[in-house]
C-alpha atoms as a PDB file:
ATOM      1  CA  PHE A   1     135.489  53.716  93.914  1.00  0.00           C
ATOM      2  CA  ASP A   2     137.031  51.375  96.502  1.00  0.00           C
ATOM      3  CA  GLU A   3     137.308  54.166  99.017  1.00  0.00           C
ATOM      4  CA  MET A   4     133.597  54.974  98.573  1.00  0.00           C
ATOM      5  CA  THR A   5     132.754  51.393  99.283  1.00  0.00           C
ATOM      6  CA  ARG A   6     134.803  51.469 102.487  1.00  0.00           C
ATOM      7  CA  LEU A   7     133.397  54.750 103.395  1.00  0.00           C
ATOM      8  CA  GLY A   8     129.824  53.498 102.764  1.00  0.00           C
ATOM      9  CA  HIS A   9     130.539  50.444 104.928  1.00  0.00           C
ATOM     10  CA  CYS A  10     131.923  52.603 107.800  1.00  0.00           C
ATOM     11  CA  MET A  11     128.892  54.790 107.538  1.00  0.00           C
ATOM     12  CA  LYS A  12     126.574  51.923 107.728  1.00  0.00           C
ATOM     13  CA  LYS A  13     128.346  50.534 110.822  1.00  0.00           C
ATOM     14  CA  LEU A  14     128.200  53.867 112.431  1.00  0.00           C
ATOM     15  CA  ARG A  15     124.524  54.425 111.629  1.00  0.00           C
ATOM     16  CA  ASP A  16     123.794  50.899 113.064  1.00  0.00           C
ATOM     17  CA  MET A  17     125.739  51.697 116.266  1.00  0.00           C
ATOM     18  CA  VAL A  18     124.096  55.044 116.752  1.00  0.00           C
ATOM     19  CA  GLU A  19     120.567  54.353 115.611  1.00  0.00           C
ATOM     20  CA  ASN A  20     120.042  50.608 116.473  1.00  0.00           C
ATOM     21  CA  PRO A  21     121.134  49.220 119.816  1.00  0.00           C
ATOM     22  CA  ASP A  22     120.288  45.737 118.694  1.00  0.00           C
ATOM     23  CA  SER A  23     122.850  45.941 115.885  1.00  0.00           C
ATOM     24  CA  GLY A  24     125.738  44.429 118.095  1.00  0.00           C
ATOM     25  CA  ILE A  25     127.876  45.108 121.060  1.00  0.00           C
ATOM     26  CA  PRO A  26     128.947  48.715 120.072  1.00  0.00           C
ATOM     27  CA  GLY A  27     125.251  49.653 119.551  1.00  0.00           C
ATOM     28  CA  LYS A  28     124.523  48.302 123.005  1.00  0.00           C
ATOM     29  CA  ILE A  29     127.384  50.056 124.600  1.00  0.00           C
ATOM     30  CA  PHE A  30     126.544  53.277 122.930  1.00  0.00           C
ATOM     31  CA  ALA A  31     122.881  53.032 124.039  1.00  0.00           C
ATOM     32  CA  CYS A  32     123.793  52.223 127.619  1.00  0.00           C
ATOM     33  CA  LEU A  33     126.286  55.190 127.746  1.00  0.00           C
ATOM     34  CA  SER A  34     123.534  57.428 126.391  1.00  0.00           C
ATOM     35  CA  VAL A  35     121.061  56.275 129.112  1.00  0.00           C
ATOM     36  CA  LEU A  36     123.728  56.640 131.760  1.00  0.00           C
ATOM     37  CA  PHE A  37     124.471  60.299 130.826  1.00  0.00           C
ATOM     38  CA  VAL A  38     120.781  61.118 130.643  1.00  0.00           C
ATOM     39  CA  THR A  39     120.434  59.730 134.191  1.00  0.00           C
ATOM     40  CA  ILE A  40     123.462  61.565 135.459  1.00  0.00           C
ATOM     41  CA  THR A  41     122.152  64.777 133.892  1.00  0.00           C
ATOM     42  CA  THR A  42     118.727  64.213 135.608  1.00  0.00           C
ATOM     43  CA  VAL A  43     120.361  63.679 138.970  1.00  0.00           C
ATOM     44  CA  SER A  44     122.705  66.534 138.561  1.00  0.00           C
ATOM     45  CA  LEU A  45     119.709  68.894 137.715  1.00  0.00           C
ATOM     46  CA  CYS A  46     117.849  67.722 140.921  1.00  0.00           C
ATOM     47  CA  VAL A  47     121.065  68.209 143.111  1.00  0.00           C
ATOM     48  CA  SER A  48     121.522  71.721 141.608  1.00  0.00           C
ATOM     49  CA  THR A  49     118.107  72.842 142.777  1.00  0.00           C
ATOM     50  CA  MET A  50     118.945  71.967 146.434  1.00  0.00           C
ATOM     51  CA  PRO A  51     118.609  75.097 148.594  1.00  0.00           C
ATOM     52  CA  ASP A  52     122.301  75.366 149.652  1.00  0.00           C
ATOM     53  CA  LEU A  53     123.442  75.436 146.019  1.00  0.00           C
ATOM     54  CA  ARG A  54     120.700  77.889 144.920  1.00  0.00           C
ATOM     55  CA  GLN A  55     121.895  80.239 147.638  1.00  0.00           C
ATOM     56  CA  GLU A  56     125.443  79.900 146.424  1.00  0.00           C
ATOM     57  CA  GLU A  57     124.450  80.641 142.900  1.00  0.00           C
ATOM     58  CA  GLU A  58     122.415  83.730 144.102  1.00  0.00           C
ATOM     59  CA  ARG A  59     125.569  84.999 146.007  1.00  0.00           C
ATOM     60  CA  GLY A  60     127.714  84.264 142.943  1.00  0.00           C
ATOM     61  CA  GLU A  61     129.835  81.799 145.021  1.00  0.00           C
ATOM     62  CA  CYS A  62     130.869  78.322 143.905  1.00  0.00           C
ATOM     63  CA  SER A  63     131.999  75.680 146.482  1.00  0.00           C
ATOM     64  CA  GLN A  64     133.664  72.332 145.585  1.00  0.00           C
ATOM     65  CA  LYS A  65     130.168  70.766 145.295  1.00  0.00           C
ATOM     66  CA  CYS A  66     129.152  73.385 142.892  1.00  0.00           C
ATOM     67  CA  TYR A  67     132.389  73.088 140.850  1.00  0.00           C
ATOM     68  CA  ASN A  68     131.971  69.205 140.785  1.00  0.00           C
ATOM     69  CA  ILE A  69     128.429  69.646 139.444  1.00  0.00           C
ATOM     70  CA  PHE A  70     129.797  71.992 136.755  1.00  0.00           C
ATOM     71  CA  VAL A  71     132.443  69.447 135.777  1.00  0.00           C
ATOM     72  CA  LEU A  72     129.768  66.637 135.633  1.00  0.00           C
ATOM     73  CA  GLU A  73     127.490  68.819 133.495  1.00  0.00           C
ATOM     74  CA  THR A  74     130.446  69.680 131.171  1.00  0.00           C
ATOM     75  CA  ILE A  75     131.213  65.963 130.631  1.00  0.00           C
ATOM     76  CA  CYS A  76     127.498  65.188 129.986  1.00  0.00           C
ATOM     77  CA  VAL A  77     127.228  68.026 127.406  1.00  0.00           C
ATOM     78  CA  ALA A  78     130.392  66.822 125.808  1.00  0.00           C
ATOM     79  CA  TRP A  79     128.854  63.356 125.420  1.00  0.00           C
ATOM     80  CA  PHE A  80     125.592  64.693 124.105  1.00  0.00           C
ATOM     81  CA  SER A  81     127.415  66.950 121.590  1.00  0.00           C
ATOM     82  CA  PHE A  82     129.588  63.906 120.517  1.00  0.00           C
ATOM     83  CA  GLU A  83     126.464  61.815 120.095  1.00  0.00           C
ATOM     84  CA  PHE A  84     124.745  64.483 118.083  1.00  0.00           C
ATOM     85  CA  LEU A  85     127.756  64.879 115.874  1.00  0.00           C
ATOM     86  CA  LEU A  86     127.916  61.230 115.156  1.00  0.00           C
ATOM     87  CA  ARG A  87     124.272  61.084 114.347  1.00  0.00           C
ATOM     88  CA  PHE A  88     124.746  64.098 112.159  1.00  0.00           C
ATOM     89  CA  ILE A  89     127.743  62.662 110.262  1.00  0.00           C
ATOM     90  CA  GLN A  90     126.054  59.394 109.523  1.00  0.00           C
ATOM     91  CA  ALA A  91     122.815  61.031 108.410  1.00  0.00           C
ATOM     92  CA  GLN A  92     122.176  60.491 104.690  1.00  0.00           C
ATOM     93  CA  SER A  93     120.378  63.928 104.373  1.00  0.00           C
ATOM     94  CA  LYS A  94     121.923  66.509 106.700  1.00  0.00           C
ATOM     95  CA  CYS A  95     119.008  69.107 106.068  1.00  0.00           C
ATOM     96  CA  ALA A  96     116.390  66.438 106.822  1.00  0.00           C
ATOM     97  CA  PHE A  97     118.334  65.494 109.914  1.00  0.00           C
ATOM     98  CA  LEU A  98     118.402  69.121 111.244  1.00  0.00           C
ATOM     99  CA  ARG A  99     114.628  69.533 110.603  1.00  0.00           C
ATOM    100  CA  THR A 100     113.610  66.468 112.541  1.00  0.00           C
ATOM    101  CA  PRO A 101     111.841  67.601 115.798  1.00  0.00           C
ATOM    102  CA  LEU A 102     113.893  65.365 118.107  1.00  0.00           C
ATOM    103  CA  ASN A 103     117.120  66.832 116.654  1.00  0.00           C
ATOM    104  CA  ILE A 104     115.829  70.305 117.025  1.00  0.00           C
ATOM    105  CA  ILE A 105     115.209  69.586 120.695  1.00  0.00           C
ATOM    106  CA  ASP A 106     118.827  68.152 121.066  1.00  0.00           C
ATOM    107  CA  ILE A 107     120.196  71.355 119.500  1.00  0.00           C
ATOM    108  CA  MET A 108     118.116  73.488 121.988  1.00  0.00           C
ATOM    109  CA  ALA A 109     119.269  71.313 124.767  1.00  0.00           C
ATOM    110  CA  ILE A 110     122.961  71.531 123.929  1.00  0.00           C
ATOM    111  CA  LEU A 111     123.247  75.130 122.778  1.00  0.00           C
ATOM    112  CA  PRO A 112     122.380  76.894 126.165  1.00  0.00           C
ATOM    113  CA  TYR A 113     125.526  75.304 127.760  1.00  0.00           C
ATOM    114  CA  TYR A 114     127.771  76.740 125.034  1.00  0.00           C
ATOM    115  CA  ILE A 115     125.895  80.035 125.107  1.00  0.00           C
ATOM    116  CA  SER A 116     126.327  80.376 128.791  1.00  0.00           C
ATOM    117  CA  LEU A 117     130.065  79.627 128.575  1.00  0.00           C
ATOM    118  CA  ILE A 118     130.455  82.364 125.971  1.00  0.00           C
ATOM    119  CA  ILE A 119     128.357  84.904 128.277  1.00  0.00           C
ATOM    120  CA  ASP A 120     130.570  83.967 131.187  1.00  0.00           C
ATOM    121  CA  ALA A 121     133.734  84.324 129.187  1.00  0.00           C
ATOM    122  CA  PHE A 122     132.732  87.880 128.183  1.00  0.00           C
ATOM    123  CA  SER A 123     131.413  88.872 131.539  1.00  0.00           C
ATOM    124  CA  VAL A 124     133.400  91.417 133.762  1.00  0.00           C
ATOM    125  CA  GLU A 125     135.882  89.603 136.055  1.00  0.00           C
ATOM    126  CA  GLY A 126     134.882  89.846 139.723  1.00  0.00           C
ATOM    127  CA  LYS A 127     131.303  90.298 138.801  1.00  0.00           C
ATOM    128  CA  PRO A 128     129.146  87.133 139.417  1.00  0.00           C
ATOM    129  CA  SER A 129     127.781  85.514 136.375  1.00  0.00           C
ATOM    130  CA  SER A 130     124.273  86.627 135.534  1.00  0.00           C
ATOM    131  CA  SER A 131     121.323  84.588 136.704  1.00  0.00           C
ATOM    132  CA  GLY A 132     120.147  84.712 133.102  1.00  0.00           C
ATOM    133  CA  SER A 133     123.192  82.552 132.101  1.00  0.00           C
ATOM    134  CA  LEU A 134     122.349  80.159 134.960  1.00  0.00           C
ATOM    135  CA  ASP A 135     118.810  79.982 133.793  1.00  0.00           C
ATOM    136  CA  LEU A 136     119.874  79.243 130.343  1.00  0.00           C
ATOM    137  CA  GLU A 137     121.936  76.200 131.538  1.00  0.00           C
ATOM    138  CA  LYS A 138     118.995  74.975 133.496  1.00  0.00           C
ATOM    139  CA  ILE A 139     116.741  75.164 130.420  1.00  0.00           C
ATOM    140  CA  GLY A 140     119.203  73.079 128.446  1.00  0.00           C
ATOM    141  CA  LEU A 141     119.380  70.572 131.264  1.00  0.00           C
ATOM    142  CA  ILE A 142     115.623  70.195 131.303  1.00  0.00           C
ATOM    143  CA  LEU A 143     115.445  69.758 127.509  1.00  0.00           C
ATOM    144  CA  ARG A 144     118.138  67.001 127.749  1.00  0.00           C
END
């Protein structure tokens, strides 16, 4: 019973941190990090639409700039995935959580990245990744 009390206390603290920025310093830091990653993702999306990068994508090439954007996007998706998992863990009703429109949008924003990684992993070596895979990633970025 004592474990349940500690677990309940930890879940309440986690819920406060994730859902309520005014709950304390951890909540404020968490909210600031979330805003920072949304901003980084938005800037990354804008940069990735620049003509030189679009031409590289169409040719199936990837310069250092392209690689850096990919790394940045990967870090952002990792954060969004972590944030989603924290919110899922602390949710009292997992089914109700997954049916909430904003959480459905979050899933739709995160999944394209992972799907495109799977598609790229199974694509034939030497063959440029399909533009459909790149489009899938862009849809996820826009949803984020």
